[in-house]
Amino acid sequence: MWTNNEKNDDKKEPVPLMTRFFRGCLLLLAGVIVLWLALQFLAQFWGWLLLLVAIAGLIYAAIWYLRWRRDRRW
């Protein structure tokens, strides 16, 4: 069982440099396209995200202030 895999590994030819370069360029292009799509998607509702973060921050600040006032009494 292991001998077949070892024989197949010995028969493999090294990948040419141009093939590796071409695959790397394709991966880079795909990464740029995915990042561009993510930014376009995020640009559609970033205002709503900021609003949610601001509301969450206000709630957190209010809770912190109320706890601070409660603990300061005594």
Protein backbone atom coordinates (compact mmCIF):
# COMPACT_ATOMS: atom_id res chain seq x y z
CA MET A 1 0.00 0.00 0.00
CA TRP A 2 2.69 2.51 0.95
CA THR A 3 4.98 1.39 -1.83
CA ASN A 4 2.49 2.49 -4.52
CA ASN A 5 2.36 6.02 -3.13
CA GLU A 6 6.13 6.20 -2.94
CA LYS A 7 6.43 5.05 -6.56
CA ASN A 8 3.86 7.62 -7.71
CA ASP A 9 5.69 10.39 -5.84
CA ASP A 10 8.95 9.48 -7.56
CA LYS A 11 7.31 9.65 -11.00
CA LYS A 12 5.92 13.18 -10.51
CA GLU A 13 7.72 15.86 -12.46
CA PRO A 14 8.43 19.21 -10.80
CA VAL A 15 5.96 21.95 -11.63
CA PRO A 16 7.45 24.42 -14.12
CA LEU A 17 8.18 27.93 -12.87
CA MET A 18 5.86 29.57 -15.41
CA THR A 19 2.98 27.35 -14.34
CA ARG A 20 3.54 28.27 -10.70
CA PHE A 21 3.77 31.97 -11.65
CA PHE A 22 0.55 31.77 -13.69
CA ARG A 23 -1.30 30.06 -10.84
CA GLY A 24 0.01 32.65 -8.41
CA CYS A 25 -1.23 35.46 -10.64
CA LEU A 26 -4.64 33.83 -10.92
CA LEU A 27 -4.83 33.49 -7.14
CA LEU A 28 -3.82 37.13 -6.73
CA LEU A 29 -6.45 38.24 -9.26
CA ALA A 30 -9.10 36.17 -7.48
CA GLY A 31 -8.10 37.72 -4.15
CA VAL A 32 -8.38 41.25 -5.55
CA ILE A 33 -11.80 40.50 -7.03
CA VAL A 34 -13.07 39.00 -3.77
CA LEU A 35 -11.81 42.02 -1.78
CA TRP A 36 -13.42 44.40 -4.26
CA LEU A 37 -16.74 42.55 -4.00
CA ALA A 38 -16.55 42.58 -0.20
CA LEU A 39 -15.94 46.34 -0.18
CA GLN A 40 -18.81 46.92 -2.60
CA PHE A 41 -21.10 44.83 -0.40
CA LEU A 42 -19.95 46.62 2.73
CA ALA A 43 -20.40 50.05 1.11
CA GLN A 44 -24.12 49.35 0.69
CA PHE A 45 -24.82 49.22 4.41
CA TRP A 46 -21.82 50.67 6.26
CA GLY A 47 -24.00 53.52 7.57
CA TRP A 48 -26.31 51.06 9.27
CA LEU A 49 -23.34 49.26 10.79
CA LEU A 50 -22.02 52.52 12.20
CA LEU A 51 -25.45 53.31 13.62
CA LEU A 52 -25.61 49.90 15.32
CA VAL A 53 -22.12 50.35 16.76
CA ALA A 54 -23.02 53.82 18.04
CA ILE A 55 -26.21 52.55 19.70
CA ALA A 56 -24.33 49.65 21.29
CA GLY A 57 -21.69 52.09 22.55
CA LEU A 58 -24.34 54.35 24.08
CA ILE A 59 -26.01 51.40 25.82
CA TYR A 60 -22.64 50.24 27.15
CA ALA A 61 -21.81 53.76 28.38
CA ALA A 62 -25.20 54.11 30.08
CA ILE A 63 -24.81 50.77 31.86
CA TRP A 64 -21.28 51.67 32.94
CA TYR A 65 -22.47 55.06 34.27
CA LEU A 66 -25.38 53.56 36.18
CA ARG A 67 -23.12 50.95 37.80
CA TRP A 68 -20.56 53.61 38.65
CA ARG A 69 -23.23 55.77 40.32
CA ARG A 70 -24.66 52.80 42.22
CA ASP A 71 -21.24 51.72 43.54
CA ARG A 72 -20.26 55.28 44.54
CA ARG A 73 -23.12 55.76 47.03
CA TRP A 74 -21.55 53.96 49.98
